[in-house]
All heavy atoms as atom14 arrays in JSON, in Angstrom:
{
  "sequence": "VCRDNSVLAQLGTPDMRVPIAYGLSFPQRIESG",
  "atom14_mask": [
    [1, 1, 1, 1, 1, 1, 1, 0, 0, 0, 0, 0, 0, 0],
    [1, 1, 1, 1, 1, 1, 0, 0, 0, 0, 0, 0, 0, 0],
    [1, 1, 1, 1, 1, 1, 1, 1, 1, 1, 1, 0, 0, 0],
    [1, 1, 1, 1, 1, 1, 1, 1, 0, 0, 0, 0, 0, 0],
    [1, 1, 1, 1, 1, 1, 1, 1, 0, 0, 0, 0, 0, 0],
    [1, 1, 1, 1, 1, 1, 0, 0, 0, 0, 0, 0, 0, 0],
    [1, 1, 1, 1, 1, 1, 1, 0, 0, 0, 0, 0, 0, 0],
    [1, 1, 1, 1, 1, 1, 1, 1, 0, 0, 0, 0, 0, 0],
    [1, 1, 1, 1, 1, 0, 0, 0, 0, 0, 0, 0, 0, 0],
    [1, 1, 1, 1, 1, 1, 1, 1, 1, 0, 0, 0, 0, 0],
    [1, 1, 1, 1, 1, 1, 1, 1, 0, 0, 0, 0, 0, 0],
    [1, 1, 1, 1, 0, 0, 0, 0, 0, 0, 0, 0, 0, 0],
    [1, 1, 1, 1, 1, 1, 1, 0, 0, 0, 0, 0, 0, 0],
    [1, 1, 1, 1, 1, 1, 1, 0, 0, 0, 0, 0, 0, 0],
    [1, 1, 1, 1, 1, 1, 1, 1, 0, 0, 0, 0, 0, 0],
    [1, 1, 1, 1, 1, 1, 1, 1, 0, 0, 0, 0, 0, 0],
    [1, 1, 1, 1, 1, 1, 1, 1, 1, 1, 1, 0, 0, 0],
    [1, 1, 1, 1, 1, 1, 1, 0, 0, 0, 0, 0, 0, 0],
    [1, 1, 1, 1, 1, 1, 1, 0, 0, 0, 0, 0, 0, 0],
    [1, 1, 1, 1, 1, 1, 1, 1, 0, 0, 0, 0, 0, 0],
    [1, 1, 1, 1, 1, 0, 0, 0, 0, 0, 0, 0, 0, 0],
    [1, 1, 1, 1, 1, 1, 1, 1, 1, 1, 1, 1, 0, 0],
    [1, 1, 1, 1, 0, 0, 0, 0, 0, 0, 0, 0, 0, 0],
    [1, 1, 1, 1, 1, 1, 1, 1, 0, 0, 0, 0, 0, 0],
    [1, 1, 1, 1, 1, 1, 0, 0, 0, 0, 0, 0, 0, 0],
    [1, 1, 1, 1, 1, 1, 1, 1, 1, 1, 1, 0, 0, 0],
    [1, 1, 1, 1, 1, 1, 1, 0, 0, 0, 0, 0, 0, 0],
    [1, 1, 1, 1, 1, 1, 1, 1, 1, 0, 0, 0, 0, 0],
    [1, 1, 1, 1, 1, 1, 1, 1, 1, 1, 1, 0, 0, 0],
    [1, 1, 1, 1, 1, 1, 1, 1, 0, 0, 0, 0, 0, 0],
    [1, 1, 1, 1, 1, 1, 1, 1, 1, 0, 0, 0, 0, 0],
    [1, 1, 1, 1, 1, 1, 0, 0, 0, 0, 0, 0, 0, 0],
    [1, 1, 1, 1, 0, 0, 0, 0, 0, 0, 0, 0, 0, 0]
  ],
  "atom14_positions": [
    [[0.87, -1.17, 0.0], [0.0, 0.0, 0.0], [0.91, 1.22, 0.0], [1.68, 1.43, 0.94], [-0.94, 0.01, 1.22], [-1.84, 1.26, 1.19], [-1.78, -1.26, 1.26], [0.0, 0.0, 0.0], [0.0, 0.0, 0.0], [0.0, 0.0, 0.0], [0.0, 0.0, 0.0], [0.0, 0.0, 0.0], [0.0, 0.0, 0.0], [0.0, 0.0, 0.0]],
    [[0.81, 2.01, -1.07], [1.7, 3.16, -1.25], [1.18, 4.38, -0.5], [0.04, 4.4, -0.02], [1.86, 3.47, -2.73], [2.5, 2.09, -3.71], [0.0, 0.0, 0.0], [0.0, 0.0, 0.0], [0.0, 0.0, 0.0], [0.0, 0.0, 0.0], [0.0, 0.0, 0.0], [0.0, 0.0, 0.0], [0.0, 0.0, 0.0], [0.0, 0.0, 0.0]],
    [[2.01, 5.39, -0.43], [1.64, 6.59, 0.33], [0.47, 7.34, -0.3], [-0.21, 8.11, 0.39], [2.86, 7.5, 0.49], [3.94, 6.87, 1.36], [4.97, 7.86, 1.81], [5.98, 7.22, 2.64], [5.88, 7.05, 3.95], [4.8, 7.45, 4.58], [6.86, 6.46, 4.63], [0.0, 0.0, 0.0], [0.0, 0.0, 0.0], [0.0, 0.0, 0.0]],
    [[0.23, 7.12, -1.6], [-0.93, 7.75, -2.24], [-2.17, 6.85, -2.16], [-3.18, 7.11, -2.8], [-0.62, 8.11, -3.69], [-0.25, 6.89, -4.53], [-0.26, 5.76, -3.99], [0.05, 7.06, -5.73], [0.0, 0.0, 0.0], [0.0, 0.0, 0.0], [0.0, 0.0, 0.0], [0.0, 0.0, 0.0], [0.0, 0.0, 0.0], [0.0, 0.0, 0.0]],
    [[-2.05, 5.75, -1.39], [-3.12, 4.77, -1.17], [-3.42, 3.89, -2.39], [-4.42, 3.16, -2.4], [-4.41, 5.43, -0.68], [-4.31, 5.85, 0.78], [-3.55, 5.24, 1.54], [-5.04, 6.88, 1.16], [0.0, 0.0, 0.0], [0.0, 0.0, 0.0], [0.0, 0.0, 0.0], [0.0, 0.0, 0.0], [0.0, 0.0, 0.0], [0.0, 0.0, 0.0]],
    [[-2.58, 3.95, -3.41], [-2.67, 2.94, -4.46], [-2.08, 1.64, -3.91], [-1.25, 1.66, -3.0], [-1.93, 3.38, -5.72], [-0.56, 3.59, -5.44], [0.0, 0.0, 0.0], [0.0, 0.0, 0.0], [0.0, 0.0, 0.0], [0.0, 0.0, 0.0], [0.0, 0.0, 0.0], [0.0, 0.0, 0.0], [0.0, 0.0, 0.0], [0.0, 0.0, 0.0]],
    [[-2.52, 0.52, -4.46], [-2.11, -0.79, -3.96], [-1.46, -1.57, -5.09], [-2.05, -1.74, -6.17], [-3.3, -1.59, -3.39], [-2.84, -2.95, -2.87], [-3.99, -0.8, -2.29], [0.0, 0.0, 0.0], [0.0, 0.0, 0.0], [0.0, 0.0, 0.0], [0.0, 0.0, 0.0], [0.0, 0.0, 0.0], [0.0, 0.0, 0.0], [0.0, 0.0, 0.0]],
    [[-0.26, -2.06, -4.85], [0.45, -2.91, -5.8], [0.43, -4.33, -5.28], [0.72, -4.57, -4.11], [1.9, -2.44, -5.97], [2.1, -0.96, -6.32], [3.59, -0.62, -6.37], [1.44, -0.63, -7.65], [0.0, 0.0, 0.0], [0.0, 0.0, 0.0], [0.0, 0.0, 0.0], [0.0, 0.0, 0.0], [0.0, 0.0, 0.0], [0.0, 0.0, 0.0]],
    [[0.09, -5.28, -6.14], [-0.01, -6.68, -5.71], [0.64, -7.58, -6.74], [0.68, -7.27, -7.94], [-1.48, -7.08, -5.52], [0.0, 0.0, 0.0], [0.0, 0.0, 0.0], [0.0, 0.0, 0.0], [0.0, 0.0, 0.0], [0.0, 0.0, 0.0], [0.0, 0.0, 0.0], [0.0, 0.0, 0.0], [0.0, 0.0, 0.0], [0.0, 0.0, 0.0]],
    [[1.16, -8.71, -6.29], [1.69, -9.73, -7.18], [0.78, -10.94, -7.11], [0.45, -11.43, -6.03], [3.12, -10.11, -6.77], [3.85, -11.02, -7.76], [3.76, -12.49, -7.39], [3.52, -12.85, -6.25], [3.96, -13.36, -8.37], [0.0, 0.0, 0.0], [0.0, 0.0, 0.0], [0.0, 0.0, 0.0], [0.0, 0.0, 0.0], [0.0, 0.0, 0.0]],
    [[0.33, -11.41, -8.27], [-0.62, -12.53, -8.35], [0.02, -13.69, -9.1], [0.92, -13.51, -9.93], [-1.9, -12.11, -9.09], [-2.87, -11.16, -8.4], [-2.33, -9.75, -8.35], [-4.22, -11.17, -9.14], [0.0, 0.0, 0.0], [0.0, 0.0, 0.0], [0.0, 0.0, 0.0], [0.0, 0.0, 0.0], [0.0, 0.0, 0.0], [0.0, 0.0, 0.0]],
    [[-0.48, -14.87, -8.84], [-0.02, -16.05, -9.55], [-0.56, -17.3, -8.9], [-1.14, -17.26, -7.81], [0.0, 0.0, 0.0], [0.0, 0.0, 0.0], [0.0, 0.0, 0.0], [0.0, 0.0, 0.0], [0.0, 0.0, 0.0], [0.0, 0.0, 0.0], [0.0, 0.0, 0.0], [0.0, 0.0, 0.0], [0.0, 0.0, 0.0], [0.0, 0.0, 0.0]],
    [[-0.38, -18.42, -9.56], [-0.78, -19.69, -8.98], [0.13, -20.0, -7.79], [1.28, -19.55, -7.75], [-0.69, -20.82, -10.02], [0.63, -20.82, -10.59], [-1.72, -20.65, -11.11], [0.0, 0.0, 0.0], [0.0, 0.0, 0.0], [0.0, 0.0, 0.0], [0.0, 0.0, 0.0], [0.0, 0.0, 0.0], [0.0, 0.0, 0.0], [0.0, 0.0, 0.0]],
    [[-0.34, -20.74, -6.8], [0.49, -21.05, -5.63], [1.56, -22.09, -5.96], [1.36, -23.29, -5.8], [-0.53, -21.56, -4.6], [-1.67, -22.08, -5.41], [-1.72, -21.24, -6.65], [0.0, 0.0, 0.0], [0.0, 0.0, 0.0], [0.0, 0.0, 0.0], [0.0, 0.0, 0.0], [0.0, 0.0, 0.0], [0.0, 0.0, 0.0], [0.0, 0.0, 0.0]],
    [[2.7, -21.63, -6.44], [3.79, -22.5, -6.87], [5.11, -21.84, -6.51], [5.42, -20.75, -7.0], [3.69, -22.73, -8.39], [4.58, -23.87, -8.88], [5.72, -23.97, -8.38], [4.15, -24.63, -9.76], [0.0, 0.0, 0.0], [0.0, 0.0, 0.0], [0.0, 0.0, 0.0], [0.0, 0.0, 0.0], [0.0, 0.0, 0.0], [0.0, 0.0, 0.0]],
    [[5.89, -22.49, -5.66], [7.14, -21.9, -5.19], [8.17, -21.72, -6.29], [9.15, -20.98, -6.12], [7.74, -22.77, -4.07], [7.08, -22.58, -2.72], [7.12, -20.88, -2.13], [8.87, -20.58, -2.05], [0.0, 0.0, 0.0], [0.0, 0.0, 0.0], [0.0, 0.0, 0.0], [0.0, 0.0, 0.0], [0.0, 0.0, 0.0], [0.0, 0.0, 0.0]],
    [[7.97, -22.36, -7.43], [8.94, -22.2, -8.52], [8.94, -20.79, -9.1], [9.93, -20.38, -9.71], [8.66, -23.24, -9.6], [8.98, -24.67, -9.17], [8.6, -25.68, -10.23], [7.15, -25.71, -10.45], [6.56, -26.5, -11.34], [7.3, -27.33, -12.08], [5.25, -26.48, -11.48], [0.0, 0.0, 0.0], [0.0, 0.0, 0.0], [0.0, 0.0, 0.0]],
    [[7.86, -20.03, -8.9], [7.83, -18.65, -9.41], [8.84, -17.78, -8.67], [9.71, -17.16, -9.3], [6.4, -18.07, -9.34], [6.42, -16.59, -9.71], [5.47, -18.84, -10.25], [0.0, 0.0, 0.0], [0.0, 0.0, 0.0], [0.0, 0.0, 0.0], [0.0, 0.0, 0.0], [0.0, 0.0, 0.0], [0.0, 0.0, 0.0], [0.0, 0.0, 0.0]],
    [[8.78, -17.66, -7.33], [9.8, -16.85, -6.66], [11.21, -17.42, -6.8], [12.18, -16.66, -6.83], [9.34, -16.83, -5.2], [8.4, -17.98, -5.05], [7.74, -18.14, -6.38], [0.0, 0.0, 0.0], [0.0, 0.0, 0.0], [0.0, 0.0, 0.0], [0.0, 0.0, 0.0], [0.0, 0.0, 0.0], [0.0, 0.0, 0.0], [0.0, 0.0, 0.0]],
    [[11.33, -18.75, -6.9], [12.65, -19.34, -7.09], [13.24, -18.91, -8.44], [14.4, -18.51, -8.53], [12.57, -20.88, -6.99], [12.29, -21.3, -5.55], [13.86, -21.53, -7.5], [11.93, -22.76, -5.39], [0.0, 0.0, 0.0], [0.0, 0.0, 0.0], [0.0, 0.0, 0.0], [0.0, 0.0, 0.0], [0.0, 0.0, 0.0], [0.0, 0.0, 0.0]],
    [[12.43, -19.0, -9.49], [12.9, -18.61, -10.82], [13.29, -17.13, -10.85], [14.29, -16.75, -11.48], [11.82, -18.91, -11.87], [0.0, 0.0, 0.0], [0.0, 0.0, 0.0], [0.0, 0.0, 0.0], [0.0, 0.0, 0.0], [0.0, 0.0, 0.0], [0.0, 0.0, 0.0], [0.0, 0.0, 0.0], [0.0, 0.0, 0.0], [0.0, 0.0, 0.0]],
    [[12.5, -16.3, -10.18], [12.81, -14.87, -10.16], [14.12, -14.61, -9.41], [14.94, -13.79, -9.82], [11.67, -14.09, -9.51], [11.82, -12.59, -9.65], [11.86, -12.0, -10.9], [11.92, -11.77, -8.53], [12.0, -10.62, -11.04], [12.06, -10.4, -8.65], [12.1, -9.83, -9.91], [12.24, -8.46, -10.04], [0.0, 0.0, 0.0], [0.0, 0.0, 0.0]],
    [[14.33, -15.34, -8.31], [15.58, -15.18, -7.58], [16.79, -15.62, -8.39], [17.84, -14.98, -8.36], [0.0, 0.0, 0.0], [0.0, 0.0, 0.0], [0.0, 0.0, 0.0], [0.0, 0.0, 0.0], [0.0, 0.0, 0.0], [0.0, 0.0, 0.0], [0.0, 0.0, 0.0], [0.0, 0.0, 0.0], [0.0, 0.0, 0.0], [0.0, 0.0, 0.0]],
    [[16.65, -16.72, -9.12], [17.76, -17.22, -9.92], [18.1, -16.3, -11.09], [19.27, -16.18, -11.47], [17.43, -18.62, -10.46], [17.47, -19.78, -9.47], [16.87, -21.03, -10.09], [18.92, -20.05, -9.03], [0.0, 0.0, 0.0], [0.0, 0.0, 0.0], [0.0, 0.0, 0.0], [0.0, 0.0, 0.0], [0.0, 0.0, 0.0], [0.0, 0.0, 0.0]],
    [[17.09, -15.63, -11.66], [17.3, -14.86, -12.88], [17.31, -13.35, -12.67], [17.58, -12.61, -13.61], [16.2, -15.19, -13.9], [14.92, -14.79, -13.4], [0.0, 0.0, 0.0], [0.0, 0.0, 0.0], [0.0, 0.0, 0.0], [0.0, 0.0, 0.0], [0.0, 0.0, 0.0], [0.0, 0.0, 0.0], [0.0, 0.0, 0.0], [0.0, 0.0, 0.0]],
    [[16.97, -12.87, -11.47], [16.83, -11.45, -11.19], [17.97, -10.64, -11.83], [19.14, -11.02, -11.72], [16.81, -11.21, -9.68], [16.79, -9.76, -9.28], [15.6, -9.06, -9.28], [17.96, -9.1, -8.91], [15.57, -7.72, -8.93], [17.93, -7.77, -8.56], [16.74, -7.08, -8.56], [0.0, 0.0, 0.0], [0.0, 0.0, 0.0], [0.0, 0.0, 0.0]],
    [[17.64, -9.53, -12.49], [16.34, -8.88, -12.63], [15.55, -9.34, -13.86], [14.54, -8.72, -14.19], [16.73, -7.4, -12.77], [18.03, -7.45, -13.5], [18.74, -8.68, -13.01], [0.0, 0.0, 0.0], [0.0, 0.0, 0.0], [0.0, 0.0, 0.0], [0.0, 0.0, 0.0], [0.0, 0.0, 0.0], [0.0, 0.0, 0.0], [0.0, 0.0, 0.0]],
    [[16.0, -10.39, -14.5], [15.29, -10.91, -15.66], [14.17, -11.85, -15.22], [13.99, -12.11, -14.02], [16.28, -11.63, -16.59], [17.42, -10.74, -17.09], [18.45, -11.52, -17.87], [18.26, -12.69, -18.21], [19.58, -10.88, -18.17], [0.0, 0.0, 0.0], [0.0, 0.0, 0.0], [0.0, 0.0, 0.0], [0.0, 0.0, 0.0], [0.0, 0.0, 0.0]],
    [[13.43, -12.37, -16.19], [12.37, -13.34, -15.93], [12.62, -14.57, -16.81], [12.96, -14.44, -17.98], [10.99, -12.76, -16.28], [10.6, -11.53, -15.48], [9.95, -11.9, -14.17], [9.52, -10.73, -13.42], [8.78, -10.77, -12.33], [8.35, -11.94, -11.86], [8.44, -9.66, -11.69], [0.0, 0.0, 0.0], [0.0, 0.0, 0.0], [0.0, 0.0, 0.0]],
    [[12.47, -15.75, -16.22], [12.64, -16.98, -16.97], [11.46, -17.92, -16.68], [10.71, -17.72, -15.72], [13.96, -17.7, -16.6], [14.0, -18.05, -15.1], [15.16, -16.86, -17.01], [15.2, -18.89, -14.69], [0.0, 0.0, 0.0], [0.0, 0.0, 0.0], [0.0, 0.0, 0.0], [0.0, 0.0, 0.0], [0.0, 0.0, 0.0], [0.0, 0.0, 0.0]],
    [[11.32, -18.94, -17.51], [10.27, -19.93, -17.3], [10.46, -20.61, -15.95], [11.57, -21.0, -15.59], [10.3, -20.99, -18.4], [9.24, -22.07, -18.24], [9.51, -23.31, -19.08], [10.46, -23.28, -19.89], [8.78, -24.3, -18.9], [0.0, 0.0, 0.0], [0.0, 0.0, 0.0], [0.0, 0.0, 0.0], [0.0, 0.0, 0.0], [0.0, 0.0, 0.0]],
    [[9.37, -20.75, -15.22], [9.44, -21.37, -13.9], [8.87, -22.79, -13.87], [9.21, -23.58, -12.99], [8.67, -20.53, -12.88], [7.28, -20.52, -13.17], [0.0, 0.0, 0.0], [0.0, 0.0, 0.0], [0.0, 0.0, 0.0], [0.0, 0.0, 0.0], [0.0, 0.0, 0.0], [0.0, 0.0, 0.0], [0.0, 0.0, 0.0], [0.0, 0.0, 0.0]],
    [[7.98, -23.08, -14.81], [7.28, -24.37, -14.77], [5.91, -24.27, -14.13], [5.13, -25.22, -14.17], [0.0, 0.0, 0.0], [0.0, 0.0, 0.0], [0.0, 0.0, 0.0], [0.0, 0.0, 0.0], [0.0, 0.0, 0.0], [0.0, 0.0, 0.0], [0.0, 0.0, 0.0], [0.0, 0.0, 0.0], [0.0, 0.0, 0.0], [0.0, 0.0, 0.0]]
  ]
}
């Protein structure tokens, strides 16, 4: 929740491979499965 009261959210299926893939490739994006 930002100071202007806009809200930023990250959505996706409940799969730990998404944050793992982002950590491995940061700041890029790669296929997670």
